C-alpha atoms as a PDB file:
ATOM      1  CA  MET A   1     -40.102  76.740-213.130  1.00  0.00           C
ATOM      2  CA  SER A   2     -39.756  73.738-210.774  1.00  0.00           C
ATOM      3  CA  SER A   3     -41.449  73.467-207.398  1.00  0.00           C
ATOM      4  CA  ASP A   4     -38.066  73.810-205.670  1.00  0.00           C
ATOM      5  CA  ASP A   5     -37.429  77.109-207.454  1.00  0.00           C
ATOM      6  CA  ASP A   6     -40.934  78.297-206.554  1.00  0.00           C
ATOM      7  CA  MET A   7     -40.357  77.501-202.877  1.00  0.00           C
ATOM      8  CA  THR A   8     -36.997  79.277-202.954  1.00  0.00           C
ATOM      9  CA  ASN A   9     -38.589  82.435-204.343  1.00  0.00           C
ATOM     10  CA  ASN A  10     -41.297  82.375-201.639  1.00  0.00           C
ATOM     11  CA  LEU A  11     -39.238  81.740-198.567  1.00  0.00           C
ATOM     12  CA  PRO A  12     -40.561  83.204-195.311  1.00  0.00           C
ATOM     13  CA  ASN A  13     -38.864  85.949-193.369  1.00  0.00           C
ATOM     14  CA  HIS A  14     -36.009  84.892-191.068  1.00  0.00           C
ATOM     15  CA  TYR A  15     -35.600  81.653-192.984  1.00  0.00           C
ATOM     16  CA  GLU A  16     -31.860  82.231-193.168  1.00  0.00           C
ATOM     17  CA  ASP A  17     -31.641  82.303-189.376  1.00  0.00           C
ATOM     18  CA  LEU A  18     -32.453  78.592-189.253  1.00  0.00           C
ATOM     19  CA  GLU A  19     -29.848  75.875-188.996  1.00  0.00           C
ATOM     20  CA  GLU A  20     -29.244  73.910-192.190  1.00  0.00           C
ATOM     21  CA  GLU A  21     -30.948  70.842-190.804  1.00  0.00           C
ATOM     22  CA  ASP A  22     -33.959  72.930-189.774  1.00  0.00           C
ATOM     23  CA  LYS A  23     -34.121  74.443-193.263  1.00  0.00           C
ATOM     24  CA  ARG A  24     -34.271  71.022-194.911  1.00  0.00           C
ATOM     25  CA  GLU A  25     -36.932  69.865-192.484  1.00  0.00           C
ATOM     26  CA  TYR A  26     -38.939  73.059-192.994  1.00  0.00           C
ATOM     27  CA  ASN A  27     -38.860  72.603-196.778  1.00  0.00           C
ATOM     28  CA  GLN A  28     -39.972  69.002-196.421  1.00  0.00           C
ATOM     29  CA  ILE A  29     -42.875  69.918-194.146  1.00  0.00           C
ATOM     30  CA  ARG A  30     -43.910  72.730-196.463  1.00  0.00           C
ATOM     31  CA  SER A  31     -43.974  70.443-199.484  1.00  0.00           C
ATOM     32  CA  ILE A  32     -46.013  67.784-197.662  1.00  0.00           C
ATOM     33  CA  ILE A  33     -48.516  70.326-196.302  1.00  0.00           C
ATOM     34  CA  GLN A  34     -49.189  71.963-199.638  1.00  0.00           C
ATOM     35  CA  GLN A  35     -49.633  68.621-201.394  1.00  0.00           C
ATOM     36  CA  SER A  36     -51.869  67.112-198.714  1.00  0.00           C
ATOM     37  CA  GLY A  37     -54.018  70.252-198.636  1.00  0.00           C
ATOM     38  CA  ARG A  38     -55.437  69.291-202.021  1.00  0.00           C
ATOM     39  CA  ASN A  39     -56.533  65.899-200.671  1.00  0.00           C
ATOM     40  CA  HIS A  40     -58.231  67.136-197.476  1.00  0.00           C
ATOM     41  CA  ARG A  41     -60.921  69.374-198.903  1.00  0.00           C
ATOM     42  CA  GLY A  42     -63.631  67.454-197.054  1.00  0.00           C
ATOM     43  CA  LYS A  43     -61.651  67.260-193.793  1.00  0.00           C
ATOM     44  CA  ARG A  44     -60.302  70.780-193.353  1.00  0.00           C
ATOM     45  CA  LEU A  45     -60.956  70.908-189.624  1.00  0.00           C
ATOM     46  CA  GLU A  46     -59.029  67.713-188.888  1.00  0.00           C
ATOM     47  CA  ALA A  47     -56.292  68.680-191.351  1.00  0.00           C
ATOM     48  CA  PHE A  48     -55.688  72.055-189.684  1.00  0.00           C
ATOM     49  CA  SER A  49     -55.465  70.476-186.229  1.00  0.00           C
ATOM     50  CA  GLU A  50     -52.936  67.991-187.593  1.00  0.00           C
ATOM     51  CA  LEU A  51     -51.049  70.882-189.191  1.00  0.00           C
ATOM     52  CA  LEU A  52     -50.637  72.638-185.837  1.00  0.00           C
ATOM     53  CA  ASP A  53     -49.452  69.403-184.233  1.00  0.00           C
ATOM     54  CA  THR A  54     -46.877  68.912-186.999  1.00  0.00           C
ATOM     55  CA  LEU A  55     -45.575  72.458-186.657  1.00  0.00           C
ATOM     56  CA  LYS A  56     -45.349  72.161-182.879  1.00  0.00           C
ATOM     57  CA  ASN A  57     -43.302  68.961-183.165  1.00  0.00           C
ATOM     58  CA  PHE A  58     -40.979  70.757-185.558  1.00  0.00           C
ATOM     59  CA  ALA A  59     -40.633  74.059-183.674  1.00  0.00           C
ATOM     60  CA  VAL A  60     -40.748  73.144-179.980  1.00  0.00           C
ATOM     61  CA  ARG A  61     -37.869  70.833-179.078  1.00  0.00           C
ATOM     62  CA  GLY A  62     -36.638  72.406-175.854  1.00  0.00           C
ATOM     63  CA  ASP A  63     -33.394  73.798-177.290  1.00  0.00           C
ATOM     64  CA  SER A  64     -32.089  77.315-177.848  1.00  0.00           C
ATOM     65  CA  ASN A  65     -33.440  77.464-181.404  1.00  0.00           C
ATOM     66  CA  ASP A  66     -37.101  76.987-180.531  1.00  0.00           C
ATOM     67  CA  TRP A  67     -37.855  80.698-180.911  1.00  0.00           C
ATOM     68  CA  LYS A  68     -36.264  80.799-184.386  1.00  0.00           C
ATOM     69  CA  ARG A  69     -38.372  77.940-185.660  1.00  0.00           C
ATOM     70  CA  CYS A  70     -41.522  79.487-184.126  1.00  0.00           C
ATOM     71  CA  LEU A  71     -40.637  82.809-185.753  1.00  0.00           C
ATOM     72  CA  VAL A  72     -40.263  81.185-189.176  1.00  0.00           C
ATOM     73  CA  VAL A  73     -43.422  79.028-189.123  1.00  0.00           C
ATOM     74  CA  GLY A  74     -45.459  81.906-187.657  1.00  0.00           C
ATOM     75  CA  VAL A  75     -46.844  79.996-184.672  1.00  0.00           C
ATOM     76  CA  CYS A  76     -45.881  80.289-181.002  1.00  0.00           C
ATOM     77  CA  TRP A  77     -47.566  78.205-178.302  1.00  0.00           C
ATOM     78  CA  LEU A  78     -48.388  79.899-175.006  1.00  0.00           C
ATOM     79  CA  GLU A  79     -50.218  78.662-171.909  1.00  0.00           C
ATOM     80  CA  ASN A  80     -53.856  78.093-172.956  1.00  0.00           C
ATOM     81  CA  ALA A  81     -53.240  80.370-175.947  1.00  0.00           C
ATOM     82  CA  ILE A  82     -51.548  80.542-179.304  1.00  0.00           C
ATOM     83  CA  ALA A  83     -49.835  83.400-181.162  1.00  0.00           C
ATOM     84  CA  ILE A  84     -50.180  83.499-184.949  1.00  0.00           C
ATOM     85  CA  ASN A  85     -48.302  85.426-187.621  1.00  0.00           C
ATOM     86  CA  THR A  86     -50.564  84.913-190.621  1.00  0.00           C
ATOM     87  CA  ARG A  87     -47.976  86.271-193.070  1.00  0.00           C
ATOM     88  CA  GLN A  88     -45.482  83.590-192.095  1.00  0.00           C
ATOM     89  CA  LEU A  89     -48.112  80.871-191.886  1.00  0.00           C
ATOM     90  CA  ARG A  90     -49.403  81.716-195.356  1.00  0.00           C
ATOM     91  CA  GLN A  91     -45.949  81.062-196.801  1.00  0.00           C
ATOM     92  CA  LEU A  92     -45.996  77.617-195.248  1.00  0.00           C
ATOM     93  CA  THR A  93     -49.554  76.521-195.992  1.00  0.00           C
ATOM     94  CA  ASN A  94     -50.347  78.503-199.144  1.00  0.00           C
ATOM     95  CA  LYS A  95     -53.671  79.520-197.547  1.00  0.00           C
ATOM     96  CA  CYS A  96     -55.196  82.977-197.393  1.00  0.00           C
ATOM     97  CA  LYS A  97     -55.562  84.973-194.183  1.00  0.00           C
ATOM     98  CA  SER A  98     -59.332  84.492-193.903  1.00  0.00           C
ATOM     99  CA  SER A  99     -58.978  80.729-194.335  1.00  0.00           C
ATOM    100  CA  ILE A 100     -56.385  80.548-191.558  1.00  0.00           C
ATOM    101  CA  ASN A 101     -58.467  82.685-189.185  1.00  0.00           C
ATOM    102  CA  GLY A 102     -61.592  80.676-189.938  1.00  0.00           C
ATOM    103  CA  SER A 103     -59.810  77.392-189.253  1.00  0.00           C
ATOM    104  CA  LEU A 104     -58.487  78.710-185.935  1.00  0.00           C
ATOM    105  CA  GLN A 105     -61.952  79.824-184.900  1.00  0.00           C
ATOM    106  CA  ARG A 106     -63.522  76.485-185.776  1.00  0.00           C
ATOM    107  CA  ILE A 107     -61.127  74.593-183.494  1.00  0.00           C
ATOM    108  CA  GLY A 108     -61.846  76.970-180.605  1.00  0.00           C
ATOM    109  CA  TYR A 109     -59.129  79.649-180.795  1.00  0.00           C
ATOM    110  CA  MET A 110     -60.782  83.071-180.412  1.00  0.00           C
ATOM    111  CA  PRO A 111     -59.049  86.506-180.573  1.00  0.00           C
ATOM    112  CA  VAL A 112     -58.121  88.117-177.250  1.00  0.00           C
ATOM    113  CA  ALA A 113     -59.090  91.793-176.834  1.00  0.00           C
ATOM    114  CA  ASN A 114     -56.723  92.716-173.993  1.00  0.00           C
ATOM    115  CA  HIS A 115     -53.625  90.560-174.176  1.00  0.00           C
ATOM    116  CA  SER A 116     -50.875  92.686-172.659  1.00  0.00           C
ATOM    117  CA  LEU A 117     -49.837  89.857-170.354  1.00  0.00           C
ATOM    118  CA  LEU A 118     -49.820  87.388-173.232  1.00  0.00           C
ATOM    119  CA  ASN A 119     -47.793  89.842-175.287  1.00  0.00           C
ATOM    120  CA  ASP A 120     -45.169  89.795-172.564  1.00  0.00           C
ATOM    121  CA  LEU A 121     -45.177  86.003-172.634  1.00  0.00           C
ATOM    122  CA  LEU A 122     -44.816  86.048-176.414  1.00  0.00           C
ATOM    123  CA  GLN A 123     -41.785  88.328-176.218  1.00  0.00           C
ATOM    124  CA  GLU A 124     -40.242  86.034-173.649  1.00  0.00           C
ATOM    125  CA  LYS A 125     -40.755  83.089-175.984  1.00  0.00           C
ATOM    126  CA  ILE A 126     -39.357  84.989-179.001  1.00  0.00           C
ATOM    127  CA  PRO A 127     -36.705  87.478-177.799  1.00  0.00           C
ATOM    128  CA  PHE A 128     -36.453  88.923-181.323  1.00  0.00           C
ATOM    129  CA  LEU A 129     -39.847  90.617-180.777  1.00  0.00           C
ATOM    130  CA  LYS A 130     -38.780  92.636-177.729  1.00  0.00           C
ATOM    131  CA  GLY A 131     -38.941  96.313-178.627  1.00  0.00           C
ATOM    132  CA  ASN A 132     -39.617  95.382-182.276  1.00  0.00           C
ATOM    133  CA  PHE A 133     -43.113  96.835-182.569  1.00  0.00           C
ATOM    134  CA  SER A 134     -43.353  96.499-186.349  1.00  0.00           C
ATOM    135  CA  GLU A 135     -42.815  92.743-186.055  1.00  0.00           C
ATOM    136  CA  LEU A 136     -44.963  92.447-182.924  1.00  0.00           C
ATOM    137  CA  ARG A 137     -47.968  93.975-184.687  1.00  0.00           C
ATOM    138  CA  GLN A 138     -47.958  91.102-187.159  1.00  0.00           C
ATOM    139  CA  TRP A 139     -48.801  88.652-184.393  1.00  0.00           C
ATOM    140  CA  THR A 140     -52.276  88.025-183.007  1.00  0.00           C
ATOM    141  CA  ILE A 141     -52.971  86.082-179.862  1.00  0.00           C
ATOM    142  CA  ARG A 142     -55.904  83.697-179.526  1.00  0.00           C
ATOM    143  CA  GLN A 143     -57.133  81.795-176.513  1.00  0.00           C
ATOM    144  CA  GLN A 144     -58.796  78.434-176.730  1.00  0.00           C
ATOM    145  CA  VAL A 145     -62.357  78.360-175.461  1.00  0.00           C
ATOM    146  CA  ALA A 146     -64.661  75.408-174.930  1.00  0.00           C
ATOM    147  CA  LEU A 147     -66.843  74.816-177.934  1.00  0.00           C
ATOM    148  CA  THR A 148     -70.574  74.769-177.276  1.00  0.00           C
ATOM    149  CA  PRO A 149     -71.751  71.175-177.694  1.00  0.00           C
ATOM    150  CA  LYS A 150     -74.677  70.469-179.919  1.00  0.00           C
ATOM    151  CA  PRO A 151     -77.910  69.956-178.016  1.00  0.00           C
ATOM    152  CA  ALA A 152     -78.830  66.358-177.637  1.00  0.00           C
ATOM    153  CA  MET A 153     -81.835  65.377-179.628  1.00  0.00           C
ATOM    154  CA  PRO A 154     -84.493  63.529-177.640  1.00  0.00           C
ATOM    155  CA  GLU A 155     -84.708  59.903-178.487  1.00  0.00           C
ATOM    156  CA  GLU A 156     -87.801  58.986-180.383  1.00  0.00           C
ATOM    157  CA  LYS A 157     -89.825  56.589-178.293  1.00  0.00           C
ATOM    158  CA  THR A 158     -91.193  53.538-179.978  1.00  0.00           C
ATOM    159  CA  LYS A 159     -94.942  53.682-180.201  1.00  0.00           C
ATOM    160  CA  LEU A 160     -96.612  50.494-179.041  1.00  0.00           C
ATOM    161  CA  SER A 161     -99.397  49.487-181.344  1.00  0.00           C
ATOM    162  CA  PRO A 162    -102.510  48.012-179.671  1.00  0.00           C
ATOM    163  CA  ALA A 163    -103.079  44.306-179.876  1.00  0.00           C
ATOM    164  CA  PRO A 164    -105.162  43.314-182.882  1.00  0.00           C
ATOM    165  CA  VAL A 165    -108.837  42.750-182.161  1.00  0.00           C
ATOM    166  CA  ASN A 166    -110.283  39.627-183.697  1.00  0.00           C
ATOM    167  CA  ILE A 167    -113.748  40.377-185.011  1.00  0.00           C
ATOM    168  CA  LEU A 168    -115.988  37.337-185.208  1.00  0.00           C
ATOM    169  CA  PRO A 169    -117.590  36.811-188.603  1.00  0.00           C
ATOM    170  CA  ILE A 170    -121.276  37.580-188.928  1.00  0.00           C
ATOM    171  CA  PRO A 171    -123.214  34.285-189.201  1.00  0.00           C
ATOM    172  CA  THR A 172    -124.950  33.487-192.448  1.00  0.00           C
ATOM    173  CA  ASN A 173    -128.741  33.426-192.822  1.00  0.00           C
ATOM    174  CA  ILE A 174    -128.866  29.675-192.250  1.00  0.00           C
ATOM    175  CA  GLU A 175    -126.821  29.877-189.037  1.00  0.00           C
ATOM    176  CA  THR A 176    -128.945  32.785-187.801  1.00  0.00           C
ATOM    177  CA  SER A 177    -132.176  30.895-188.503  1.00  0.00           C
ATOM    178  CA  ASN A 178    -130.940  27.796-186.655  1.00  0.00           C
ATOM    179  CA  ALA A 179    -129.883  29.892-183.669  1.00  0.00           C
ATOM    180  CA  MET A 180    -133.290  31.582-183.504  1.00  0.00           C
ATOM    181  CA  GLN A 181    -135.129  28.249-183.706  1.00  0.00           C
ATOM    182  CA  HIS A 182    -132.969  26.815-180.934  1.00  0.00           C
ATOM    183  CA  SER A 183    -133.658  29.869-178.757  1.00  0.00           C
ATOM    184  CA  GLN A 184    -137.421  29.605-179.316  1.00  0.00           C
ATOM    185  CA  SER A 185    -137.378  25.885-178.482  1.00  0.00           C
ATOM    186  CA  TYR A 186    -135.486  26.591-175.259  1.00  0.00           C
ATOM    187  CA  GLU A 187    -137.984  29.277-174.240  1.00  0.00           C
ATOM    188  CA  GLN A 188    -140.879  26.871-174.800  1.00  0.00           C
ATOM    189  CA  ASN A 189    -139.262  24.308-172.508  1.00  0.00           C
ATOM    190  CA  ILE A 190    -138.922  26.772-169.631  1.00  0.00           C
ATOM    191  CA  THR A 191    -142.427  28.293-169.812  1.00  0.00           C
ATOM    192  CA  GLU A 192    -144.276  28.280-166.478  1.00  0.00           C
ATOM    193  CA  PRO A 193    -147.078  25.682-166.095  1.00  0.00           C
ATOM    194  CA  GLU A 194    -150.651  26.913-166.139  1.00  0.00           C
ATOM    195  CA  ASN A 195    -152.523  27.187-162.813  1.00  0.00           C
ATOM    196  CA  GLU A 196    -154.763  24.128-162.353  1.00  0.00           C
ATOM    197  CA  PRO A 197    -158.016  24.270-160.253  1.00  0.00           C
ATOM    198  CA  VAL A 198    -157.799  22.893-156.719  1.00  0.00           C
ATOM    199  CA  ASN A 199    -159.700  19.636-156.187  1.00  0.00           C
ATOM    200  CA  GLN A 200    -161.403  19.470-152.741  1.00  0.00           C
ATOM    201  CA  ASN A 201    -161.302  15.661-152.823  1.00  0.00           C
ATOM    202  CA  ASP A 202    -157.513  15.802-152.577  1.00  0.00           C
ATOM    203  CA  TYR A 203    -157.835  17.185-149.064  1.00  0.00           C
ATOM    204  CA  ASN A 204    -160.539  14.661-148.061  1.00  0.00           C
ATOM    205  CA  SER A 205    -158.492  11.727-149.291  1.00  0.00           C
ATOM    206  CA  PHE A 206    -155.539  12.808-147.192  1.00  0.00           C
ATOM    207  CA  TYR A 207    -156.580  10.596-144.268  1.00  0.00           C
ATOM    208  CA  ASP A 208    -157.266   7.635-146.526  1.00  0.00           C
ATOM    209  CA  GLU A 209    -153.536   7.131-146.928  1.00  0.00           C
ATOM    210  CA  GLU A 210    -151.909   5.299-144.025  1.00  0.00           C
ATOM    211  CA  ALA A 211    -148.657   7.177-144.495  1.00  0.00           C
ATOM    212  CA  CYS A 212    -150.498  10.453-144.009  1.00  0.00           C
ATOM    213  CA  LEU A 213    -152.225   9.495-140.698  1.00  0.00           C
ATOM    214  CA  PRO A 214    -150.866  10.911-137.403  1.00  0.00           C
ATOM    215  CA  LEU A 215    -148.925   8.742-135.008  1.00  0.00           C
ATOM    216  CA  ASN A 216    -150.912   6.514-132.651  1.00  0.00           C
ATOM    217  CA  ASP A 217    -149.406   8.225-129.594  1.00  0.00           C
ATOM    218  CA  TRP A 218    -150.774  11.522-130.793  1.00  0.00           C
ATOM    219  CA  VAL A 219    -154.278  10.060-131.245  1.00  0.00           C
ATOM    220  CA  GLN A 220    -154.323   8.542-127.713  1.00  0.00           C
ATOM    221  CA  ASP A 221    -153.169  11.811-126.228  1.00  0.00           C
ATOM    222  CA  ASP A 222    -156.194  13.752-124.988  1.00  0.00           C
ATOM    223  CA  ASN A 223    -154.391  17.012-125.526  1.00  0.00           C
ATOM    224  CA  PHE A 224    -153.884  16.336-129.193  1.00  0.00           C
ATOM    225  CA  TYR A 225    -157.385  17.366-130.200  1.00  0.00           C
ATOM    226  CA  ASP A 226    -157.457  20.163-127.643  1.00  0.00           C
ATOM    227  CA  PHE A 227    -154.396  21.777-129.224  1.00  0.00           C
ATOM    228  CA  GLY A 228    -156.383  23.273-132.010  1.00  0.00           C
ATOM    229  CA  SER A 229    -159.062  24.578-129.693  1.00  0.00           C
ATOM    230  CA  ASN A 230    -156.541  26.513-127.666  1.00  0.00           C
ATOM    231  CA  LEU A 231    -155.466  28.517-130.642  1.00  0.00           C
END
């Protein structure tokens, strides 16, 4: 069985409501998606986001057939939300329900508990769903929430290593001996002189030297010799 026959046997609901041009484009998108899905195993998150963009470009054109195309692909875009019919979307992507729900959750679309208002918006977008509760139950509405960013890891500060300390080499025995001899010689040169006995003749010979005699004016002054007696 050819791939065209396989696609014909697995057509989604409401496929026949599409215009002929929309049918051909839907078949082309379906073939491309299912083939590219085998080549994006390592990039599933990016591939699913691209898938939604491709389907939106196909379904939402601003004409009267927007709701039909949304009904067939199983995706309807609301304000800050998205409505999904997993049965229809499985026919297009050949993915299971859990895979589709997991991909939606990873890109930030979380299920809405109370979505009565969004249900009304969905029925306005797709008039076929008004009063058709069996069809409406097949749709789930998800709102996009901000993903929690990963905590920033503190930057590892570069540790500054201390400057290398140059250790002087220990002198050899010869150098040590020379240094000690030099130190001893220096100490001998700066030793204090020994106390010599005082010679009384040095004092008596003081007046024998002319340079050591008092001035003549002092000798002629009568008060010169009296100075010592007044002490």
